[in-house]
Amino acid sequence: MVVGRRYLIRQTSGDLVELSHRDFDRADDRIAPIAGLAGRCVEMVSVVVVEAPDHKRVVSDVAFTKVYFDADGFVDVSKRDLMIRLMLESCADRRPPAAARDRKSLTGFAHRARGRLDREFRWRPDRAVLNEVMIRFDLPLSDRLAPEALTAEGAGRSGVDMKPTVH
């Protein structure tokens, strides 16, 4: 089984352009910057394509997120660390509480983290963007990828994926 990643970024004009996963990984690993993205926050589509041994290819995951680049063109480490921290904090209310009072406190804590995560890192693309992504990746969806994930309402539900799960 071969797993491939494809990235599209939304230009200021609104056009989606491909960003090579090699270039993105090098900017994320602080090996080589992407000068054209220096100091910007970009809306990114991450698509995971899986090719089975029988050469059948399917889209396994689609995520819509915002990625921040520092002034040098590298992925902004502080923003990435913030995203990871918020992801962890957003799960605080999913642990078994020690007491009912703790549950209420954890629920508020997790709710605030989810709100900030949503505001700073989630991208909900419009119907035109969703259609363009589906046309570009004219492949069947995997059985585990629900079709509603690629509707205007569902877009971005998994959309805070960055290095911890996608790269």
Protein backbone atom coordinates (compact mmCIF):
# COMPACT_ATOMS: atom_id res chain seq x y z
CA MET A 1 0.00 0.00 0.00
CA VAL A 2 1.34 3.41 -0.99
CA VAL A 3 0.24 6.56 0.83
CA GLY A 4 0.69 9.93 -0.81
CA ARG A 5 0.03 13.46 0.37
CA ARG A 6 -1.05 16.36 -1.78
CA TYR A 7 -1.39 19.96 -0.66
CA LEU A 8 -3.25 22.86 -2.19
CA ILE A 9 -2.99 26.37 -0.86
CA ARG A 10 -5.40 29.18 -1.49
CA GLN A 11 -3.77 32.20 -3.08
CA THR A 12 -4.87 35.72 -2.20
CA SER A 13 -6.69 35.70 -5.56
CA GLY A 14 -8.76 32.75 -4.31
CA ASP A 15 -7.14 30.26 -6.70
CA LEU A 16 -6.01 26.91 -5.33
CA VAL A 17 -2.45 26.03 -6.31
CA GLU A 18 -0.53 22.88 -5.59
CA LEU A 19 2.26 23.00 -3.02
CA SER A 20 4.64 20.07 -3.22
CA HIS A 21 4.68 17.98 -0.07
CA ARG A 22 8.48 18.00 -0.27
CA ASP A 23 8.61 21.81 -0.16
CA PHE A 24 6.09 21.93 2.69
CA ASP A 25 7.93 19.26 4.68
CA ARG A 26 11.23 21.11 4.21
CA ALA A 27 9.65 24.37 5.44
CA ASP A 28 8.05 22.52 8.35
CA ASP A 29 11.38 20.88 9.29
CA ARG A 30 13.21 24.23 8.97
CA ILE A 31 15.42 22.93 6.16
CA ALA A 32 14.35 25.27 3.36
CA PRO A 33 11.90 28.18 3.53
CA ILE A 34 9.14 28.98 1.07
CA ALA A 35 9.91 32.63 0.37
CA GLY A 36 6.55 33.37 -1.26
CA LEU A 37 4.72 32.39 1.92
CA ALA A 38 6.92 34.30 4.37
CA GLY A 39 4.91 36.09 7.05
CA ARG A 40 1.58 34.75 5.80
CA CYS A 41 -1.26 32.63 7.07
CA VAL A 42 -2.49 30.41 4.24
CA GLU A 43 -5.55 28.25 3.89
CA MET A 44 -4.43 24.75 3.00
CA VAL A 45 -6.14 21.62 1.76
CA SER A 46 -4.38 18.41 2.70
CA VAL A 47 -5.42 15.31 0.78
CA VAL A 48 -4.21 11.80 1.59
CA VAL A 49 -4.40 9.37 -1.34
CA VAL A 50 -3.92 5.67 -0.69
CA GLU A 51 -3.03 3.24 -3.44
CA ALA A 52 -3.82 -0.38 -2.64
CA PRO A 53 -1.72 -3.29 -3.96
CA ASP A 54 -4.25 -3.72 -6.80
CA HIS A 55 -3.41 -0.12 -7.87
CA LYS A 56 -6.86 1.15 -6.89
CA ARG A 57 -6.46 4.69 -5.53
CA VAL A 58 -8.84 6.33 -3.04
CA VAL A 59 -8.95 9.60 -1.13
CA SER A 60 -8.44 8.55 2.47
CA ASP A 61 -8.55 11.95 4.19
CA VAL A 62 -9.22 15.59 3.35
CA ALA A 63 -8.46 18.38 5.82
CA PHE A 64 -8.93 22.13 5.55
CA THR A 65 -6.70 24.16 7.83
CA LYS A 66 -4.82 27.41 8.25
CA VAL A 67 -1.03 27.23 8.32
CA TYR A 68 1.13 30.09 9.54
CA PHE A 69 4.56 30.88 8.10
CA ASP A 70 7.15 32.99 9.91
CA ALA A 71 8.96 35.98 8.45
CA ASP A 72 11.61 33.71 6.92
CA GLY A 73 9.14 31.40 5.14
CA PHE A 74 9.31 28.45 7.52
CA VAL A 75 6.22 26.97 9.18
CA ASP A 76 5.74 29.06 12.32
CA VAL A 77 6.85 26.84 15.20
CA SER A 78 5.07 28.86 17.90
CA LYS A 79 1.77 28.68 16.02
CA ARG A 80 2.20 24.95 15.39
CA ASP A 81 2.96 24.40 19.09
CA LEU A 82 -0.11 26.46 20.03
CA MET A 83 -2.26 24.35 17.71
CA ILE A 84 -0.99 21.12 19.28
CA ARG A 85 -1.53 22.47 22.79
CA LEU A 86 -5.10 23.54 21.94
CA MET A 87 -5.79 20.14 20.38
CA LEU A 88 -4.72 18.46 23.62
CA GLU A 89 -6.63 20.91 25.82
CA SER A 90 -9.76 20.47 23.71
CA CYS A 91 -9.88 16.82 24.83
CA ALA A 92 -9.76 17.61 28.56
CA ASP A 93 -13.47 16.95 29.06
CA ARG A 94 -13.22 13.51 27.47
CA ARG A 95 -11.26 12.06 30.38
CA PRO A 96 -13.07 10.49 33.32
CA PRO A 97 -13.42 13.19 36.00
CA ALA A 98 -12.42 12.76 39.62
CA ALA A 99 -15.57 14.58 40.75
CA ALA A 100 -18.66 16.21 39.26
CA ARG A 101 -17.22 19.64 40.06
CA ASP A 102 -14.10 18.77 38.05
CA ARG A 103 -16.28 17.75 35.07
CA LYS A 104 -17.83 21.24 34.87
CA SER A 105 -14.42 22.89 35.11
CA LEU A 106 -12.94 20.56 32.47
CA THR A 107 -15.89 21.14 30.14
CA GLY A 108 -15.37 24.91 30.20
CA PHE A 109 -11.62 24.53 29.74
CA ALA A 110 -12.06 22.21 26.74
CA HIS A 111 -14.79 24.39 25.24
CA ARG A 112 -12.54 27.47 25.32
CA ALA A 113 -9.68 25.50 23.72
CA ARG A 114 -11.98 24.20 20.95
CA GLY A 115 -13.22 27.74 20.29
CA ARG A 116 -9.72 29.15 19.93
CA LEU A 117 -8.61 26.18 17.84
CA ASP A 118 -11.58 26.77 15.56
CA ARG A 119 -10.93 30.53 15.24
CA GLU A 120 -7.20 30.31 14.59
CA PHE A 121 -6.68 27.08 12.68
CA ARG A 122 -9.89 25.92 11.03
CA TRP A 123 -10.87 26.79 7.49
CA ARG A 124 -14.43 26.19 6.32
CA PRO A 125 -14.24 26.46 2.55
CA ASP A 126 -17.20 27.47 0.46
CA ARG A 127 -18.96 25.20 -2.05
CA ALA A 128 -16.78 26.39 -4.97
CA VAL A 129 -13.58 25.34 -3.17
CA LEU A 130 -15.07 21.97 -2.23
CA ASN A 131 -16.10 21.37 -5.83
CA GLU A 132 -12.64 22.30 -7.10
CA VAL A 133 -10.98 19.89 -4.66
CA MET A 134 -13.30 17.06 -5.69
CA ILE A 135 -12.65 17.75 -9.39
CA ARG A 136 -8.88 17.88 -8.92
CA PHE A 137 -8.89 14.61 -7.02
CA ASP A 138 -11.31 12.72 -9.20
CA LEU A 139 -10.99 9.57 -7.10
CA PRO A 140 -13.42 7.59 -5.00
CA LEU A 141 -13.58 8.32 -1.27
CA SER A 142 -12.43 5.62 1.11
CA ASP A 143 -15.14 3.83 3.07
CA ARG A 144 -14.01 5.52 6.27
CA LEU A 145 -14.31 9.05 4.84
CA ALA A 146 -17.91 10.12 5.23
CA PRO A 147 -19.34 12.00 2.23
CA GLU A 148 -20.69 14.71 4.57
CA ALA A 149 -17.09 15.57 5.45
CA LEU A 150 -16.90 17.18 2.02
CA THR A 151 -19.99 19.35 2.29
CA ALA A 152 -19.94 23.01 3.20
CA GLU A 153 -21.25 22.09 6.67
CA GLY A 154 -18.82 19.24 7.26
CA ALA A 155 -15.69 20.73 5.72
CA GLY A 156 -12.92 21.16 8.17
CA ARG A 157 -14.33 18.84 10.83
CA SER A 158 -10.99 17.11 10.74
CA GLY A 159 -9.41 20.31 9.52
CA VAL A 160 -6.80 21.05 12.12
CA ASP A 161 -4.53 18.29 10.98
CA MET A 162 -0.90 19.26 10.67
CA LYS A 163 2.32 17.50 11.46
CA PRO A 164 1.06 15.24 14.27
CA THR A 165 -1.25 13.25 11.99
CA VAL A 166 -0.80 14.24 8.36
CA HIS A 167 2.90 14.66 7.71
